Amino acid sequence: MAYTVYVIYSSSYNKIYIGYTSDLEGRLLSHNELGRKGWTIAFRPWRLLYTEEYSRKQDAMRREKELKSARGRLFIRALIERD
């Protein structure tokens, strides 16, 4: 099983969300359409900004945590500015 670390971006609200999943397509559908509770429903629509794949869940969780750090958020904001 593969795990994807992903970053989604809401340009309407200038918000980012960082997560990991084993079902990226389903997770994006949840963020944008199917989800009925949680933080991301307030800032729709979301677009996929960045992904990384890992074979081990622990590695994906570690990378998600890194991206949520100050340095990781700077990296993500730089991606947004280049986009």
PDB file of N, CA and C in Angstrom:
ATOM      1  N   MET A   1       0.840  -1.181   0.000  1.00  0.00           N
ATOM      2  CA  MET A   1       0.000   0.000   0.000  1.00  0.00           C
ATOM      3  C   MET A   1       0.886   1.244   0.000  1.00  0.00           C
ATOM      4  N   ALA A   2       0.499   2.225  -0.775  1.00  0.00           N
ATOM      5  CA  ALA A   2       1.237   3.488  -0.837  1.00  0.00           C
ATOM      6  C   ALA A   2       0.484   4.557  -0.058  1.00  0.00           C
ATOM      7  N   TYR A   3       1.250   5.458   0.510  1.00  0.00           N
ATOM      8  CA  TYR A   3       0.686   6.584   1.253  1.00  0.00           C
ATOM      9  C   TYR A   3       1.130   7.872   0.583  1.00  0.00           C
ATOM     10  N   THR A   4       0.196   8.775   0.417  1.00  0.00           N
ATOM     11  CA  THR A   4       0.477  10.042  -0.231  1.00  0.00           C
ATOM     12  C   THR A   4       0.359  11.173   0.775  1.00  0.00           C
ATOM     13  N   VAL A   5       1.416  11.958   0.875  1.00  0.00           N
ATOM     14  CA  VAL A   5       1.364  13.209   1.616  1.00  0.00           C
ATOM     15  C   VAL A   5       0.922  14.255   0.603  1.00  0.00           C
ATOM     16  N   TYR A   6      -0.052  15.058   0.977  1.00  0.00           N
ATOM     17  CA  TYR A   6      -0.592  16.007   0.009  1.00  0.00           C
ATOM     18  C   TYR A   6      -0.806  17.374   0.638  1.00  0.00           C
ATOM     19  N   VAL A   7      -0.768  18.371  -0.235  1.00  0.00           N
ATOM     20  CA  VAL A   7      -1.071  19.742   0.161  1.00  0.00           C
ATOM     21  C   VAL A   7      -2.160  20.224  -0.774  1.00  0.00           C
ATOM     22  N   ILE A   8      -3.246  20.719  -0.190  1.00  0.00           N
ATOM     23  CA  ILE A   8      -4.296  21.328  -0.989  1.00  0.00           C
ATOM     24  C   ILE A   8      -4.354  22.811  -0.647  1.00  0.00           C
ATOM     25  N   TYR A   9      -4.849  23.587  -1.596  1.00  0.00           N
ATOM     26  CA  TYR A   9      -4.849  25.039  -1.452  1.00  0.00           C
ATOM     27  C   TYR A   9      -6.200  25.603  -1.859  1.00  0.00           C
ATOM     28  N   SER A  10      -6.717  26.496  -1.050  1.00  0.00           N
ATOM     29  CA  SER A  10      -7.942  27.222  -1.367  1.00  0.00           C
ATOM     30  C   SER A  10      -7.557  28.649  -1.723  1.00  0.00           C
ATOM     31  N   SER A  11      -7.562  28.953  -3.003  1.00  0.00           N
ATOM     32  CA  SER A  11      -7.185  30.306  -3.417  1.00  0.00           C
ATOM     33  C   SER A  11      -8.248  31.327  -3.015  1.00  0.00           C
ATOM     34  N   SER A  12      -9.499  30.901  -2.886  1.00  0.00           N
ATOM     35  CA  SER A  12     -10.570  31.808  -2.476  1.00  0.00           C
ATOM     36  C   SER A  12     -10.327  32.369  -1.075  1.00  0.00           C
ATOM     37  N   TYR A  13      -9.713  31.558  -0.215  1.00  0.00           N
ATOM     38  CA  TYR A  13      -9.494  31.953   1.176  1.00  0.00           C
ATOM     39  C   TYR A  13      -8.014  32.031   1.557  1.00  0.00           C
ATOM     40  N   ASN A  14      -7.126  31.730   0.599  1.00  0.00           N
ATOM     41  CA  ASN A  14      -5.685  31.703   0.827  1.00  0.00           C
ATOM     42  C   ASN A  14      -5.321  30.790   2.005  1.00  0.00           C
ATOM     43  N   LYS A  15      -5.883  29.579   1.989  1.00  0.00           N
ATOM     44  CA  LYS A  15      -5.654  28.596   3.045  1.00  0.00           C
ATOM     45  C   LYS A  15      -4.965  27.373   2.465  1.00  0.00           C
ATOM     46  N   ILE A  16      -4.139  26.736   3.292  1.00  0.00           N
ATOM     47  CA  ILE A  16      -3.518  25.476   2.899  1.00  0.00           C
ATOM     48  C   ILE A  16      -3.925  24.399   3.900  1.00  0.00           C
ATOM     49  N   TYR A  17      -3.937  23.161   3.423  1.00  0.00           N
ATOM     50  CA  TYR A  17      -4.201  22.010   4.274  1.00  0.00           C
ATOM     51  C   TYR A  17      -3.189  20.941   3.907  1.00  0.00           C
ATOM     52  N   ILE A  18      -2.597  20.321   4.909  1.00  0.00           N
ATOM     53  CA  ILE A  18      -1.581  19.296   4.713  1.00  0.00           C
ATOM     54  C   ILE A  18      -2.078  18.013   5.367  1.00  0.00           C
ATOM     55  N   GLY A  19      -2.010  16.911   4.637  1.00  0.00           N
ATOM     56  CA  GLY A  19      -2.452  15.643   5.192  1.00  0.00           C
ATOM     57  C   GLY A  19      -1.761  14.478   4.513  1.00  0.00           C
ATOM     58  N   TYR A  20      -2.139  13.268   4.915  1.00  0.00           N
ATOM     59  CA  TYR A  20      -1.665  12.064   4.241  1.00  0.00           C
ATOM     60  C   TYR A  20      -2.821  11.091   4.153  1.00  0.00           C
ATOM     61  N   THR A  21      -2.756  10.211   3.151  1.00  0.00           N
ATOM     62  CA  THR A  21      -3.830   9.260   2.918  1.00  0.00           C
ATOM     63  C   THR A  21      -3.328   8.092   2.089  1.00  0.00           C
ATOM     64  N   SER A  22      -4.077   7.012   2.129  1.00  0.00           N
ATOM     65  CA  SER A  22      -3.798   5.884   1.232  1.00  0.00           C
ATOM     66  C   SER A  22      -4.764   5.905   0.050  1.00  0.00           C
ATOM     67  N   ASP A  23      -5.677   6.870   0.007  1.00  0.00           N
ATOM     68  CA  ASP A  23      -6.662   7.008  -1.073  1.00  0.00           C
ATOM     69  C   ASP A  23      -6.802   8.484  -1.425  1.00  0.00           C
ATOM     70  N   LEU A  24      -5.872   8.994  -2.220  1.00  0.00           N
ATOM     71  CA  LEU A  24      -5.847  10.422  -2.534  1.00  0.00           C
ATOM     72  C   LEU A  24      -7.119  10.878  -3.243  1.00  0.00           C
ATOM     73  N   GLU A  25      -7.549  10.136  -4.226  1.00  0.00           N
ATOM     74  CA  GLU A  25      -8.747  10.526  -4.975  1.00  0.00           C
ATOM     75  C   GLU A  25      -9.966  10.647  -4.047  1.00  0.00           C
ATOM     76  N   GLY A  26     -10.159   9.669  -3.197  1.00  0.00           N
ATOM     77  CA  GLY A  26     -11.273   9.693  -2.260  1.00  0.00           C
ATOM     78  C   GLY A  26     -11.155  10.826  -1.249  1.00  0.00           C
ATOM     79  N   ARG A  27      -9.943  11.073  -0.817  1.00  0.00           N
ATOM     80  CA  ARG A  27      -9.729  12.141   0.166  1.00  0.00           C
ATOM     81  C   ARG A  27     -10.017  13.506  -0.438  1.00  0.00           C
ATOM     82  N   LEU A  28      -9.594  13.735  -1.672  1.00  0.00           N
ATOM     83  CA  LEU A  28      -9.875  15.006  -2.342  1.00  0.00           C
ATOM     84  C   LEU A  28     -11.374  15.191  -2.552  1.00  0.00           C
ATOM     85  N   LEU A  29     -12.057  14.117  -2.901  1.00  0.00           N
ATOM     86  CA  LEU A  29     -13.510  14.178  -3.058  1.00  0.00           C
ATOM     87  C   LEU A  29     -14.168  14.548  -1.728  1.00  0.00           C
ATOM     88  N   SER A  30     -13.664  14.005  -0.657  1.00  0.00           N
ATOM     89  CA  SER A  30     -14.194  14.326   0.670  1.00  0.00           C
ATOM     90  C   SER A  30     -13.973  15.803   1.007  1.00  0.00           C
ATOM     91  N   HIS A  31     -12.776  16.301   0.751  1.00  0.00           N
ATOM     92  CA  HIS A  31     -12.478  17.705   1.046  1.00  0.00           C
ATOM     93  C   HIS A  31     -13.368  18.651   0.239  1.00  0.00           C
ATOM     94  N   ASN A  32     -13.637  18.305  -1.013  1.00  0.00           N
ATOM     95  CA  ASN A  32     -14.339  19.235  -1.900  1.00  0.00           C
ATOM     96  C   ASN A  32     -15.845  19.035  -2.003  1.00  0.00           C
ATOM     97  N   GLU A  33     -16.340  17.825  -1.755  1.00  0.00           N
ATOM     98  CA  GLU A  33     -17.755  17.580  -2.001  1.00  0.00           C
ATOM     99  C   GLU A  33     -18.461  16.788  -0.913  1.00  0.00           C
ATOM    100  N   LEU A  34     -17.908  15.645  -0.526  1.00  0.00           N
ATOM    101  CA  LEU A  34     -18.647  14.715   0.309  1.00  0.00           C
ATOM    102  C   LEU A  34     -18.591  15.024   1.801  1.00  0.00           C
ATOM    103  N   GLY A  35     -17.512  15.625   2.255  1.00  0.00           N
ATOM    104  CA  GLY A  35     -17.349  15.891   3.679  1.00  0.00           C
ATOM    105  C   GLY A  35     -18.437  16.809   4.217  1.00  0.00           C
ATOM    106  N   ARG A  36     -18.934  16.501   5.402  1.00  0.00           N
ATOM    107  CA  ARG A  36     -19.997  17.289   6.018  1.00  0.00           C
ATOM    108  C   ARG A  36     -19.549  17.949   7.318  1.00  0.00           C
ATOM    109  N   LYS A  37     -18.355  17.589   7.802  1.00  0.00           N
ATOM    110  CA  LYS A  37     -17.829  18.213   9.007  1.00  0.00           C
ATOM    111  C   LYS A  37     -16.324  18.325   8.880  1.00  0.00           C
ATOM    112  N   GLY A  38     -15.747  19.168   9.703  1.00  0.00           N
ATOM    113  CA  GLY A  38     -14.304  19.353   9.669  1.00  0.00           C
ATOM    114  C   GLY A  38     -13.921  20.730   9.161  1.00  0.00           C
ATOM    115  N   TRP A  39     -12.665  21.047   9.347  1.00  0.00           N
ATOM    116  CA  TRP A  39     -12.138  22.368   9.029  1.00  0.00           C
ATOM    117  C   TRP A  39     -12.207  22.685   7.539  1.00  0.00           C
ATOM    118  N   THR A  40     -11.921  21.704   6.688  1.00  0.00           N
ATOM    119  CA  THR A  40     -11.782  22.004   5.256  1.00  0.00           C
ATOM    120  C   THR A  40     -13.092  22.352   4.570  1.00  0.00           C
ATOM    121  N   ILE A  41     -14.228  21.972   5.117  1.00  0.00           N
ATOM    122  CA  ILE A  41     -15.484  22.254   4.406  1.00  0.00           C
ATOM    123  C   ILE A  41     -15.780  23.752   4.332  1.00  0.00           C
ATOM    124  N   ALA A  42     -15.224  24.528   5.242  1.00  0.00           N
ATOM    125  CA  ALA A  42     -15.492  25.972   5.265  1.00  0.00           C
ATOM    126  C   ALA A  42     -14.732  26.739   4.200  1.00  0.00           C
ATOM    127  N   PHE A  43     -13.738  26.121   3.583  1.00  0.00           N
ATOM    128  CA  PHE A  43     -12.861  26.852   2.668  1.00  0.00           C
ATOM    129  C   PHE A  43     -12.843  26.286   1.252  1.00  0.00           C
ATOM    130  N   ARG A  44     -13.883  25.607   0.862  1.00  0.00           N
ATOM    131  CA  ARG A  44     -13.979  25.041  -0.486  1.00  0.00           C
ATOM    132  C   ARG A  44     -14.075  26.154  -1.521  1.00  0.00           C
ATOM    133  N   PRO A  45     -13.611  25.927  -2.736  1.00  0.00           N
ATOM    134  CA  PRO A  45     -13.024  24.703  -3.277  1.00  0.00           C
ATOM    135  C   PRO A  45     -11.520  24.609  -2.995  1.00  0.00           C
ATOM    136  N   TRP A  46     -11.045  23.383  -2.987  1.00  0.00           N
ATOM    137  CA  TRP A  46      -9.629  23.076  -2.800  1.00  0.00           C
ATOM    138  C   TRP A  46      -9.057  22.547  -4.101  1.00  0.00           C
ATOM    139  N   ARG A  47      -7.785  22.859  -4.342  1.00  0.00           N
ATOM    140  CA  ARG A  47      -7.091  22.241  -5.475  1.00  0.00           C
ATOM    141  C   ARG A  47      -5.802  21.620  -4.970  1.00  0.00           C
ATOM    142  N   LEU A  48      -5.453  20.518  -5.590  1.00  0.00           N
ATOM    143  CA  LEU A  48      -4.239  19.806  -5.211  1.00  0.00           C
ATOM    144  C   LEU A  48      -3.028  20.623  -5.638  1.00  0.00           C
ATOM    145  N   LEU A  49      -2.160  20.909  -4.691  1.00  0.00           N
ATOM    146  CA  LEU A  49      -0.989  21.738  -4.954  1.00  0.00           C
ATOM    147  C   LEU A  49       0.289  20.909  -5.032  1.00  0.00           C
ATOM    148  N   TYR A  50       0.399  19.859  -4.188  1.00  0.00           N
ATOM    149  CA  TYR A  50       1.667  19.148  -4.076  1.00  0.00           C
ATOM    150  C   TYR A  50       1.434  17.756  -3.498  1.00  0.00           C
ATOM    151  N   THR A  51       2.204  16.773  -3.965  1.00  0.00           N
ATOM    152  CA  THR A  51       2.127  15.418  -3.410  1.00  0.00           C
ATOM    153  C   THR A  51       3.524  14.795  -3.321  1.00  0.00           C
ATOM    154  N   GLU A  52       3.645  13.855  -2.395  1.00  0.00           N
ATOM    155  CA  GLU A  52       4.815  12.988  -2.275  1.00  0.00           C
ATOM    156  C   GLU A  52       4.292  11.611  -1.892  1.00  0.00           C
ATOM    157  N   GLU A  53       4.892  10.542  -2.426  1.00  0.00           N
ATOM    158  CA  GLU A  53       4.447   9.183  -2.111  1.00  0.00           C
ATOM    159  C   GLU A  53       5.476   8.449  -1.254  1.00  0.00           C
ATOM    160  N   TYR A  54       4.943   7.634  -0.346  1.00  0.00           N
ATOM    161  CA  TYR A  54       5.758   6.839   0.558  1.00  0.00           C
ATOM    162  C   TYR A  54       5.189   5.432   0.641  1.00  0.00           C
ATOM    163  N   SER A  55       6.057   4.460   0.814  1.00  0.00           N
ATOM    164  CA  SER A  55       5.597   3.079   0.942  1.00  0.00           C
ATOM    165  C   SER A  55       5.247   2.736   2.394  1.00  0.00           C
ATOM    166  N   ARG A  56       5.787   3.494   3.340  1.00  0.00           N
ATOM    167  CA  ARG A  56       5.509   3.223   4.753  1.00  0.00           C
ATOM    168  C   ARG A  56       4.712   4.363   5.384  1.00  0.00           C
ATOM    169  N   LYS A  57       3.701   4.001   6.124  1.00  0.00           N
ATOM    170  CA  LYS A  57       2.845   4.990   6.778  1.00  0.00           C
ATOM    171  C   LYS A  57       3.655   5.903   7.706  1.00  0.00           C
ATOM    172  N   GLN A  58       4.620   5.335   8.424  1.00  0.00           N
ATOM    173  CA  GLN A  58       5.427   6.121   9.355  1.00  0.00           C
ATOM    174  C   GLN A  58       6.183   7.230   8.628  1.00  0.00           C
ATOM    175  N   ASP A  59       6.688   6.929   7.430  1.00  0.00           N
ATOM    176  CA  ASP A  59       7.421   7.929   6.655  1.00  0.00           C
ATOM    177  C   ASP A  59       6.492   9.050   6.198  1.00  0.00           C
ATOM    178  N   ALA A  60       5.281   8.683   5.784  1.00  0.00           N
ATOM    179  CA  ALA A  60       4.302   9.694   5.365  1.00  0.00           C
ATOM    180  C   ALA A  60       3.927  10.586   6.548  1.00  0.00           C
ATOM    181  N   MET A  61       3.731   9.993   7.709  1.00  0.00           N
ATOM    182  CA  MET A  61       3.381  10.770   8.897  1.00  0.00           C
ATOM    183  C   MET A  61       4.512  11.729   9.295  1.00  0.00           C
ATOM    184  N   ARG A  62       5.740  11.260   9.174  1.00  0.00           N
ATOM    185  CA  ARG A  62       6.893  12.110   9.493  1.00  0.00           C
ATOM    186  C   ARG A  62       6.982  13.291   8.532  1.00  0.00           C
ATOM    187  N   ARG A  63       6.770  13.013   7.243  1.00  0.00           N
ATOM    188  CA  ARG A  63       6.849  14.097   6.244  1.00  0.00           C
ATOM    189  C   ARG A  63       5.702  15.082   6.414  1.00  0.00           C
ATOM    190  N   GLU A  64       4.514  14.590   6.733  1.00  0.00           N
ATOM    191  CA  GLU A  64       3.384  15.486   6.992  1.00  0.00           C
ATOM    192  C   GLU A  64       3.742  16.448   8.130  1.00  0.00           C
ATOM    193  N   LYS A  65       4.329  15.922   9.184  1.00  0.00           N
ATOM    194  CA  LYS A  65       4.721  16.745  10.323  1.00  0.00           C
ATOM    195  C   LYS A  65       5.765  17.784   9.909  1.00  0.00           C
ATOM    196  N   GLU A  66       6.723  17.386   9.070  1.00  0.00           N
ATOM    197  CA  GLU A  66       7.745  18.319   8.576  1.00  0.00           C
ATOM    198  C   GLU A  66       7.106  19.454   7.780  1.00  0.00           C
ATOM    199  N   LEU A  67       6.146  19.115   6.919  1.00  0.00           N
ATOM    200  CA  LEU A  67       5.501  20.143   6.107  1.00  0.00           C
ATOM    201  C   LEU A  67       4.656  21.096   6.947  1.00  0.00           C
ATOM    202  N   LYS A  68       4.199  20.638   8.110  1.00  0.00           N
ATOM    203  CA  LYS A  68       3.416  21.496   8.995  1.00  0.00           C
ATOM    204  C   LYS A  68       4.291  22.398   9.864  1.00  0.00           C
ATOM    205  N   SER A  69       5.598  22.217   9.797  1.00  0.00           N
ATOM    206  CA  SER A  69       6.517  23.058  10.556  1.00  0.00           C
ATOM    207  C   SER A  69       6.660  24.415   9.858  1.00  0.00           C
ATOM    208  N   ALA A  70       7.323  25.335  10.518  1.00  0.00           N
ATOM    209  CA  ALA A  70       7.536  26.660   9.927  1.00  0.00           C
ATOM    210  C   ALA A  70       8.299  26.556   8.602  1.00  0.00           C
ATOM    211  N   ARG A  71       9.332  25.737   8.563  1.00  0.00           N
ATOM    212  CA  ARG A  71      10.117  25.573   7.333  1.00  0.00           C
ATOM    213  C   ARG A  71       9.264  24.953   6.221  1.00  0.00           C
ATOM    214  N   GLY A  72       8.457  23.960   6.585  1.00  0.00           N
ATOM    215  CA  GLY A  72       7.586  23.321   5.598  1.00  0.00           C
ATOM    216  C   GLY A  72       6.563  24.287   5.030  1.00  0.00           C
ATOM    217  N   ARG A  73       6.006  25.124   5.882  1.00  0.00           N
ATOM    218  CA  ARG A  73       5.012  26.098   5.410  1.00  0.00           C
ATOM    219  C   ARG A  73       5.648  27.147   4.509  1.00  0.00           C
ATOM    220  N   LEU A  74       6.894  27.510   4.765  1.00  0.00           N
ATOM    221  CA  LEU A  74       7.615  28.415   3.860  1.00  0.00           C
ATOM    222  C   LEU A  74       7.788  27.774   2.487  1.00  0.00           C
ATOM    223  N   PHE A  75       8.140  26.489   2.474  1.00  0.00           N
ATOM    224  CA  PHE A  75       8.274  25.734   1.227  1.00  0.00           C
ATOM    225  C   PHE A  75       6.950  25.751   0.457  1.00  0.00           C
ATOM    226  N   ILE A  76       5.848  25.518   1.158  1.00  0.00           N
ATOM    227  CA  ILE A  76       4.535  25.482   0.514  1.00  0.00           C
ATOM    228  C   ILE A  76       4.141  26.860  -0.004  1.00  0.00           C
ATOM    229  N   ARG A  77       4.369  27.891   0.783  1.00  0.00           N
ATOM    230  CA  ARG A  77       4.031  29.248   0.325  1.00  0.00           C
ATOM    231  C   ARG A  77       4.848  29.626  -0.909  1.00  0.00           C
ATOM    232  N   ALA A  78       6.096  29.153  -0.984  1.00  0.00           N
ATOM    233  CA  ALA A  78       6.914  29.397  -2.176  1.00  0.00           C
ATOM    234  C   ALA A  78       6.303  28.702  -3.397  1.00  0.00           C
ATOM    235  N   LEU A  79       5.761  27.511  -3.212  1.00  0.00           N
ATOM    236  CA  LEU A  79       5.078  26.816  -4.318  1.00  0.00           C
ATOM    237  C   LEU A  79       3.884  27.620  -4.799  1.00  0.00           C
ATOM    238  N   ILE A  80       3.132  28.170  -3.868  1.00  0.00           N
ATOM    239  CA  ILE A  80       1.945  28.954  -4.216  1.00  0.00           C
ATOM    240  C   ILE A  80       2.337  30.197  -4.993  1.00  0.00           C
ATOM    241  N   GLU A  81       3.379  30.869  -4.553  1.00  0.00           N
ATOM    242  CA  GLU A  81       3.830  32.084  -5.224  1.00  0.00           C
ATOM    243  C   GLU A  81       4.332  31.814  -6.639  1.00  0.00           C
ATOM    244  N   ARG A  82       4.958  30.648  -6.847  1.00  0.00           N
ATOM    245  CA  ARG A  82       5.442  30.275  -8.190  1.00  0.00           C
ATOM    246  C   ARG A  82       4.305  29.883  -9.113  1.00  0.00           C
ATOM    247  N   ASP A  83       3.213  29.427  -8.540  1.00  0.00           N
ATOM    248  CA  ASP A  83       2.093  28.880  -9.305  1.00  0.00           C
ATOM    249  C   ASP A  83       1.340  29.920 -10.083  1.00  0.00           C
TER     250      ASP A  83
END
